[in-house]
């Protein structure tokens, strides 16, 4: 059976929903950024977060590790994978995941995402001078690309994690991918 691959912008709920869905299906959950960090450590012998890898080692190295992590996880079957918020900018990695996965785009309102991001501090990929404006530009660019690439678009509109899980289970029941056999 295919993997469930959760995509979406930062703080859309990919990891939270991923853990929940994996538990419901009694399968494994993988976070692509965690795999990326593990692979980067093997190459650099530095313990770095995904954000630190981007900042300290550069976008090219980050994307290379993201591609390797995607290839590693794509070899698995019937697992749930949460991607990083920017994987849509690495189409090769996303394409590898799509070969053996159902791509689910967690679509959330820009204001909801920005509020969640702001609570954790403005990340370096947003302008310090006008973080909202730079976020909206990023949202508009990635949102349409994610929608176009997804097999399933899950419109959350501020839904709780439990509501999101129920919505995703319903969407999966409506697909031809076979996940309905697991419950």
Protein backbone atom coordinates (compact mmCIF):
# COMPACT_ATOMS: atom_id res chain seq x y z
CA UNK A 1 0.00 0.00 0.00
CA UNK A 2 1.09 3.55 -0.63
CA UNK A 3 2.47 5.87 2.03
CA UNK A 4 0.53 8.89 3.26
CA UNK A 5 2.69 11.97 2.71
CA UNK A 6 1.55 15.11 4.53
CA UNK A 7 2.59 18.40 2.96
CA UNK A 8 1.78 22.02 3.62
CA UNK A 9 3.23 25.24 4.88
CA UNK A 10 5.01 25.61 8.20
CA UNK A 11 2.68 24.98 11.16
CA UNK A 12 -0.12 23.47 9.09
CA UNK A 13 -0.16 20.50 11.48
CA UNK A 14 1.73 17.91 9.43
CA UNK A 15 3.57 16.29 12.35
CA UNK A 16 0.64 16.42 14.76
CA UNK A 17 -1.74 14.89 12.24
CA UNK A 18 0.95 12.47 11.07
CA UNK A 19 1.39 11.00 14.56
CA UNK A 20 -2.37 10.70 14.97
CA UNK A 21 -2.98 9.02 11.61
CA UNK A 22 -0.06 6.63 12.14
CA UNK A 23 -1.48 5.64 15.53
CA UNK A 24 -4.96 5.14 14.04
CA UNK A 25 -3.54 2.87 11.33
CA UNK A 26 -1.06 1.22 13.73
CA UNK A 27 1.82 2.05 11.42
CA UNK A 28 5.03 4.04 11.61
CA UNK A 29 5.36 7.82 11.42
CA UNK A 30 8.40 9.53 9.91
CA UNK A 31 9.30 13.20 9.91
CA UNK A 32 11.30 14.05 6.80
CA UNK A 33 13.22 16.81 8.63
CA UNK A 34 14.33 14.31 11.29
CA UNK A 35 15.61 11.98 8.56
CA UNK A 36 17.29 14.96 6.88
CA UNK A 37 19.02 15.86 10.17
CA UNK A 38 20.20 12.26 10.61
CA UNK A 39 21.67 12.14 7.11
CA UNK A 40 23.31 15.55 7.52
CA UNK A 41 24.93 14.35 10.75
CA UNK A 42 26.39 11.34 8.94
CA UNK A 43 28.03 13.71 6.44
CA UNK A 44 29.08 16.57 8.73
CA UNK A 45 29.35 14.99 12.20
CA UNK A 46 27.47 18.05 13.49
CA UNK A 47 24.20 17.82 15.39
CA UNK A 48 22.04 20.43 13.67
CA UNK A 49 18.33 21.06 13.31
CA UNK A 50 16.85 21.39 9.83
CA UNK A 51 16.73 25.17 10.29
CA UNK A 52 20.40 25.23 11.36
CA UNK A 53 21.39 23.08 8.38
CA UNK A 54 19.72 25.60 6.05
CA UNK A 55 21.28 28.58 7.83
CA UNK A 56 24.79 27.21 8.43
CA UNK A 57 25.36 24.86 5.49
CA UNK A 58 23.22 26.56 2.86
CA UNK A 59 20.21 25.83 0.73
CA UNK A 60 22.05 23.58 -1.74
CA UNK A 61 23.26 21.22 1.01
CA UNK A 62 19.83 21.31 2.68
CA UNK A 63 18.07 20.38 -0.58
CA UNK A 64 20.57 17.58 -1.22
CA UNK A 65 19.87 16.13 2.23
CA UNK A 66 16.13 16.60 1.72
CA UNK A 67 16.35 14.64 -1.53
CA UNK A 68 18.31 11.82 0.15
CA UNK A 69 15.84 11.74 3.05
CA UNK A 70 12.90 11.59 0.64
CA UNK A 71 14.52 8.74 -1.29
CA UNK A 72 15.14 6.82 1.92
CA UNK A 73 11.57 7.24 3.18
CA UNK A 74 9.99 6.54 -0.22
CA UNK A 75 11.35 2.99 -0.02
CA UNK A 76 9.01 2.25 2.90
CA UNK A 77 5.44 1.01 2.52
CA UNK A 78 2.22 1.88 4.33
CA UNK A 79 3.77 4.53 6.57
CA UNK A 80 2.91 8.14 7.30
CA UNK A 81 5.45 10.83 6.39
CA UNK A 82 5.37 14.52 7.32
CA UNK A 83 7.47 16.75 5.07
CA UNK A 84 9.03 20.11 5.77
CA UNK A 85 7.05 23.20 4.79
CA UNK A 86 9.31 24.03 1.85
CA UNK A 87 9.51 20.66 0.12
CA UNK A 88 7.39 22.05 -2.72
CA UNK A 89 10.53 24.01 -3.68
CA UNK A 90 12.34 20.68 -4.09
CA UNK A 91 10.12 19.01 -6.69
CA UNK A 92 12.57 16.18 -7.23
CA UNK A 93 12.26 15.13 -3.56
CA UNK A 94 8.49 15.49 -3.63
CA UNK A 95 8.27 13.50 -6.87
CA UNK A 96 10.20 10.65 -5.28
CA UNK A 97 7.75 10.61 -2.36
CA UNK A 98 4.80 10.68 -4.77
CA UNK A 99 5.98 7.52 -6.56
CA UNK A 100 4.92 5.44 -3.55
CA UNK A 101 2.76 7.93 -1.72
CA UNK A 102 -0.54 9.75 -1.55
CA UNK A 103 0.34 13.44 -1.35
CA UNK A 104 -1.98 15.22 1.09
CA UNK A 105 -1.86 19.01 1.18
CA UNK A 106 -2.96 20.43 4.52
CA UNK A 107 -4.47 23.70 3.37
CA UNK A 108 -4.79 26.28 6.13
CA UNK A 109 -5.73 29.95 6.24
CA UNK A 110 -2.71 32.30 5.98
CA UNK A 111 -3.68 34.20 9.15
CA UNK A 112 -3.89 30.96 11.17
CA UNK A 113 -0.48 29.81 9.95
CA UNK A 114 1.14 33.20 10.53
CA UNK A 115 -0.22 33.35 14.08
CA UNK A 116 1.24 29.90 14.83
CA UNK A 117 4.58 30.84 13.26
CA UNK A 118 4.75 34.12 15.18
CA UNK A 119 4.31 32.32 18.51
CA UNK A 120 7.58 30.50 17.88
CA UNK A 121 9.44 33.63 16.78
CA UNK A 122 9.82 35.02 13.28
CA UNK A 123 11.98 32.56 11.29
CA UNK A 124 14.89 33.81 9.18
CA UNK A 125 13.11 33.04 5.90
CA UNK A 126 10.65 35.89 6.64
CA UNK A 127 11.54 39.56 6.44
CA UNK A 128 12.12 41.07 9.88
CA UNK A 129 10.84 44.42 8.58
CA UNK A 130 7.51 43.12 7.34
CA UNK A 131 7.09 39.44 8.24
CA UNK A 132 3.36 39.32 7.37
CA UNK A 133 3.94 40.65 3.86
CA UNK A 134 6.80 38.25 3.20
CA UNK A 135 4.74 35.37 4.62
CA UNK A 136 1.77 36.17 2.38
CA UNK A 137 4.06 36.22 -0.67
CA UNK A 138 5.53 32.83 0.35
CA UNK A 139 2.05 31.46 1.09
CA UNK A 140 0.70 32.52 -2.30
CA UNK A 141 3.64 30.95 -4.11
CA UNK A 142 3.58 27.65 -2.24
CA UNK A 143 -0.19 27.32 -1.77
CA UNK A 144 -1.00 27.10 -5.46
CA UNK A 145 1.93 24.74 -6.10
CA UNK A 146 0.91 22.43 -3.24
CA UNK A 147 -2.71 22.38 -4.41
CA UNK A 148 -1.67 21.52 -7.94
CA UNK A 149 0.67 18.72 -6.81
CA UNK A 150 -1.57 17.07 -4.20
CA UNK A 151 -3.62 13.93 -4.60
CA UNK A 152 -5.81 15.10 -1.71
CA UNK A 153 -6.37 18.69 -0.55
CA UNK A 154 -7.56 18.82 3.06
CA UNK A 155 -9.00 22.28 3.77
CA UNK A 156 -8.59 22.75 7.53
CA UNK A 157 -9.97 26.26 8.20
CA UNK A 158 -8.67 26.21 11.77
CA UNK A 159 -9.88 22.65 12.49
CA UNK A 160 -8.64 20.96 15.66
CA UNK A 161 -6.23 18.04 15.23
CA UNK A 162 -9.08 15.62 15.98
CA UNK A 163 -11.31 17.25 13.37
CA UNK A 164 -8.47 17.20 10.86
CA UNK A 165 -7.90 13.50 11.49
CA UNK A 166 -11.58 12.72 10.94
CA UNK A 167 -11.58 14.77 7.73
CA UNK A 168 -8.48 12.98 6.43
CA UNK A 169 -9.87 9.54 7.29
CA UNK A 170 -12.99 10.38 5.32
CA UNK A 171 -10.95 11.59 2.33
CA UNK A 172 -8.84 8.43 2.41
CA UNK A 173 -11.99 6.28 2.43
CA UNK A 174 -13.01 8.03 -0.78
CA UNK A 175 -9.75 7.19 -2.59
CA UNK A 176 -8.70 4.11 -4.47
CA UNK A 177 -5.45 3.70 -2.49
CA UNK A 178 -6.62 1.03 -0.07
CA UNK A 179 -6.10 2.70 3.30
CA UNK A 180 -9.73 2.03 4.22
CA UNK A 181 -8.77 -1.64 4.61
CA UNK A 182 -6.78 -0.77 7.72
CA UNK A 183 -9.73 0.16 9.91
